[in-house]
Amino acid sequence: MPRKKRGSKVLTTAELRAASLNSLGSNLEFSEGINLTEYKQLINSLRDELKSYNEALSLVDRSSNAIDDFEKRLKDFSERMLLGVATVYGKDSSEYEMAGGVRKSDRKRPVRRITTA
């Protein structure tokens, strides 16, 4: 399942505010460097960072899918390797146990309970 991409309510609000402030004048400036140009640059910086973040999530999703595929292939291959050992040596051999299998004679058999009616 892909990771949820991120949006920003703050960015949306700031974009709307910038459009409204722009109607007051494109050179709107207050004290201590608070002006419309800096405001728009900060908006653009956040937009670019969100874009980078969401692209990185897509790359992580792609890598995660690749890992899942490799795990499935490796699990299948491991099972085939164990079956190959079982074919050559048998399922009750010590070689089968050395390869990671459980010997047939070592398996626990289920105990069935007799019910009285």
C-alpha atoms as a PDB file:
ATOM      1  CA  MET A   1       0.000   0.000   0.000  1.00  0.00           C
ATOM      2  CA  PRO A   2       1.508   3.323  -0.977  1.00  0.00           C
ATOM      3  CA  ARG A   3       2.311   5.864   1.668  1.00  0.00           C
ATOM      4  CA  LYS A   4      -0.045   8.809   1.907  1.00  0.00           C
ATOM      5  CA  LYS A   5       1.362  11.915   0.269  1.00  0.00           C
ATOM      6  CA  ARG A   6       1.450  15.047   2.336  1.00  0.00           C
ATOM      7  CA  GLY A   7      -0.259  18.343   1.683  1.00  0.00           C
ATOM      8  CA  SER A   8      -0.173  21.520   3.736  1.00  0.00           C
ATOM      9  CA  LYS A   9      -3.131  23.493   4.985  1.00  0.00           C
ATOM     10  CA  VAL A  10      -0.699  26.246   6.014  1.00  0.00           C
ATOM     11  CA  LEU A  11       0.590  26.448   2.429  1.00  0.00           C
ATOM     12  CA  THR A  12      -2.932  26.686   1.006  1.00  0.00           C
ATOM     13  CA  THR A  13      -3.857  29.441   3.444  1.00  0.00           C
ATOM     14  CA  ALA A  14      -0.627  31.339   2.737  1.00  0.00           C
ATOM     15  CA  GLU A  15      -1.187  31.147  -1.031  1.00  0.00           C
ATOM     16  CA  LEU A  16      -4.664  32.609  -0.674  1.00  0.00           C
ATOM     17  CA  ARG A  17      -3.378  35.329   1.649  1.00  0.00           C
ATOM     18  CA  ALA A  18      -0.554  36.192  -0.771  1.00  0.00           C
ATOM     19  CA  ALA A  19      -3.054  36.587  -3.596  1.00  0.00           C
ATOM     20  CA  SER A  20      -5.131  38.914  -1.437  1.00  0.00           C
ATOM     21  CA  LEU A  21      -2.093  40.923  -0.316  1.00  0.00           C
ATOM     22  CA  ASN A  22      -0.908  41.215  -3.901  1.00  0.00           C
ATOM     23  CA  SER A  23      -4.082  43.157  -4.708  1.00  0.00           C
ATOM     24  CA  LEU A  24      -2.947  45.770  -2.161  1.00  0.00           C
ATOM     25  CA  GLY A  25       0.288  46.288  -4.072  1.00  0.00           C
ATOM     26  CA  SER A  26       3.148  44.110  -5.296  1.00  0.00           C
ATOM     27  CA  ASN A  27       5.725  46.140  -3.282  1.00  0.00           C
ATOM     28  CA  LEU A  28       3.944  45.778   0.027  1.00  0.00           C
ATOM     29  CA  GLU A  29       6.524  46.071   2.807  1.00  0.00           C
ATOM     30  CA  PHE A  30       6.430  46.325   6.575  1.00  0.00           C
ATOM     31  CA  SER A  31       9.205  46.740   9.114  1.00  0.00           C
ATOM     32  CA  GLU A  32      12.142  44.383   9.690  1.00  0.00           C
ATOM     33  CA  GLY A  33      12.158  42.625   6.318  1.00  0.00           C
ATOM     34  CA  ILE A  34       8.539  41.561   6.382  1.00  0.00           C
ATOM     35  CA  ASN A  35       7.447  42.078   2.799  1.00  0.00           C
ATOM     36  CA  LEU A  36       5.419  40.386   0.098  1.00  0.00           C
ATOM     37  CA  THR A  37       8.482  39.253  -1.855  1.00  0.00           C
ATOM     38  CA  GLU A  38       9.903  37.343   1.136  1.00  0.00           C
ATOM     39  CA  TYR A  39       6.458  35.920   1.857  1.00  0.00           C
ATOM     40  CA  LYS A  40       6.169  34.542  -1.689  1.00  0.00           C
ATOM     41  CA  GLN A  41       9.694  33.113  -1.520  1.00  0.00           C
ATOM     42  CA  LEU A  42       8.850  31.310   1.704  1.00  0.00           C
ATOM     43  CA  ILE A  43       5.666  29.935   0.117  1.00  0.00           C
ATOM     44  CA  ASN A  44       7.664  28.669  -2.860  1.00  0.00           C
ATOM     45  CA  SER A  45      10.261  27.095  -0.566  1.00  0.00           C
ATOM     46  CA  LEU A  46       7.592  25.157   1.312  1.00  0.00           C
ATOM     47  CA  ARG A  47       5.955  24.075  -1.954  1.00  0.00           C
ATOM     48  CA  ASP A  48       9.316  22.795  -3.272  1.00  0.00           C
ATOM     49  CA  GLU A  49      10.059  20.969  -0.019  1.00  0.00           C
ATOM     50  CA  LEU A  50       6.646  19.272  -0.052  1.00  0.00           C
ATOM     51  CA  LYS A  51       7.208  18.238  -3.650  1.00  0.00           C
ATOM     52  CA  SER A  52      10.599  16.738  -2.760  1.00  0.00           C
ATOM     53  CA  TYR A  53       9.117  14.963   0.257  1.00  0.00           C
ATOM     54  CA  ASN A  54       6.292  13.418  -1.776  1.00  0.00           C
ATOM     55  CA  GLU A  55       8.711  12.329  -4.517  1.00  0.00           C
ATOM     56  CA  ALA A  56      10.906  10.691  -1.855  1.00  0.00           C
ATOM     57  CA  LEU A  57       7.860   8.806  -0.545  1.00  0.00           C
ATOM     58  CA  SER A  58       7.245   7.507  -4.059  1.00  0.00           C
ATOM     59  CA  LEU A  59      10.839   6.271  -4.242  1.00  0.00           C
ATOM     60  CA  VAL A  60      10.473   4.565  -0.860  1.00  0.00           C
ATOM     61  CA  ASP A  61       7.269   2.893  -2.087  1.00  0.00           C
ATOM     62  CA  ARG A  62       9.083   1.647  -5.194  1.00  0.00           C
ATOM     63  CA  SER A  63      11.966   0.274  -3.104  1.00  0.00           C
ATOM     64  CA  SER A  64       9.545  -1.372  -0.684  1.00  0.00           C
ATOM     65  CA  ASN A  65       7.761  -3.104  -3.561  1.00  0.00           C
ATOM     66  CA  ALA A  66      11.085  -4.323  -4.965  1.00  0.00           C
ATOM     67  CA  ILE A  67      12.070  -5.724  -1.554  1.00  0.00           C
ATOM     68  CA  ASP A  68       8.724  -7.523  -1.270  1.00  0.00           C
ATOM     69  CA  ASP A  69       9.239  -9.072  -4.719  1.00  0.00           C
ATOM     70  CA  PHE A  70      12.760 -10.220  -3.862  1.00  0.00           C
ATOM     71  CA  GLU A  71      11.550 -11.707  -0.568  1.00  0.00           C
ATOM     72  CA  LYS A  72       8.866 -13.723  -2.396  1.00  0.00           C
ATOM     73  CA  ARG A  73      11.383 -14.984  -4.928  1.00  0.00           C
ATOM     74  CA  LEU A  74      13.925 -15.860  -2.243  1.00  0.00           C
ATOM     75  CA  LYS A  75      11.324 -17.658  -0.114  1.00  0.00           C
ATOM     76  CA  ASP A  76      10.277 -19.749  -3.109  1.00  0.00           C
ATOM     77  CA  PHE A  77      13.896 -20.496  -3.997  1.00  0.00           C
ATOM     78  CA  SER A  78      14.668 -21.494  -0.391  1.00  0.00           C
ATOM     79  CA  GLU A  79      11.748 -23.896  -0.405  1.00  0.00           C
ATOM     80  CA  ARG A  80      12.941 -25.411  -3.682  1.00  0.00           C
ATOM     81  CA  MET A  81      16.445 -25.826  -2.294  1.00  0.00           C
ATOM     82  CA  LEU A  82      15.081 -27.679   0.739  1.00  0.00           C
ATOM     83  CA  LEU A  83      12.912 -29.858  -1.498  1.00  0.00           C
ATOM     84  CA  GLY A  84      15.990 -30.621  -3.588  1.00  0.00           C
ATOM     85  CA  VAL A  85      17.801 -31.859  -0.485  1.00  0.00           C
ATOM     86  CA  ALA A  86      14.715 -33.907   0.446  1.00  0.00           C
ATOM     87  CA  THR A  87      14.643 -35.449  -3.032  1.00  0.00           C
ATOM     88  CA  VAL A  88      18.290 -36.504  -2.898  1.00  0.00           C
ATOM     89  CA  TYR A  89      18.654 -37.485   0.769  1.00  0.00           C
ATOM     90  CA  GLY A  90      15.082 -38.017   1.995  1.00  0.00           C
ATOM     91  CA  LYS A  91      12.986 -36.121   4.522  1.00  0.00           C
ATOM     92  CA  ASP A  92      14.220 -38.233   7.435  1.00  0.00           C
ATOM     93  CA  SER A  93      17.932 -37.708   6.783  1.00  0.00           C
ATOM     94  CA  SER A  94      20.376 -35.694   8.831  1.00  0.00           C
ATOM     95  CA  GLU A  95      21.274 -33.772   5.627  1.00  0.00           C
ATOM     96  CA  TYR A  96      17.657 -32.588   5.410  1.00  0.00           C
ATOM     97  CA  GLU A  97      17.904 -31.406   9.017  1.00  0.00           C
ATOM     98  CA  MET A  98      21.251 -29.695   8.295  1.00  0.00           C
ATOM     99  CA  ALA A  99      19.586 -27.831   5.410  1.00  0.00           C
ATOM    100  CA  GLY A 100      16.990 -26.412   7.797  1.00  0.00           C
ATOM    101  CA  GLY A 101      14.158 -28.925   7.542  1.00  0.00           C
ATOM    102  CA  VAL A 102      12.530 -30.875  10.349  1.00  0.00           C
ATOM    103  CA  ARG A 103      13.127 -34.604  10.064  1.00  0.00           C
ATOM    104  CA  LYS A 104      10.025 -36.694   9.541  1.00  0.00           C
ATOM    105  CA  SER A 105      10.748 -38.779  12.630  1.00  0.00           C
ATOM    106  CA  ASP A 106      11.174 -35.643  14.775  1.00  0.00           C
ATOM    107  CA  ARG A 107       7.768 -34.170  13.976  1.00  0.00           C
ATOM    108  CA  LYS A 108       5.181 -34.132  16.687  1.00  0.00           C
ATOM    109  CA  ARG A 109       2.060 -36.000  15.771  1.00  0.00           C
ATOM    110  CA  PRO A 110      -1.216 -34.442  16.930  1.00  0.00           C
ATOM    111  CA  VAL A 111      -2.933 -36.241  19.784  1.00  0.00           C
ATOM    112  CA  ARG A 112      -6.595 -36.779  19.146  1.00  0.00           C
ATOM    113  CA  ARG A 113      -8.898 -36.629  22.080  1.00  0.00           C
ATOM    114  CA  ILE A 114     -11.645 -39.140  22.373  1.00  0.00           C
ATOM    115  CA  THR A 115     -14.924 -37.543  23.296  1.00  0.00           C
ATOM    116  CA  THR A 116     -17.401 -39.445  25.368  1.00  0.00           C
ATOM    117  CA  ALA A 117     -20.995 -38.922  24.503  1.00  0.00           C
END
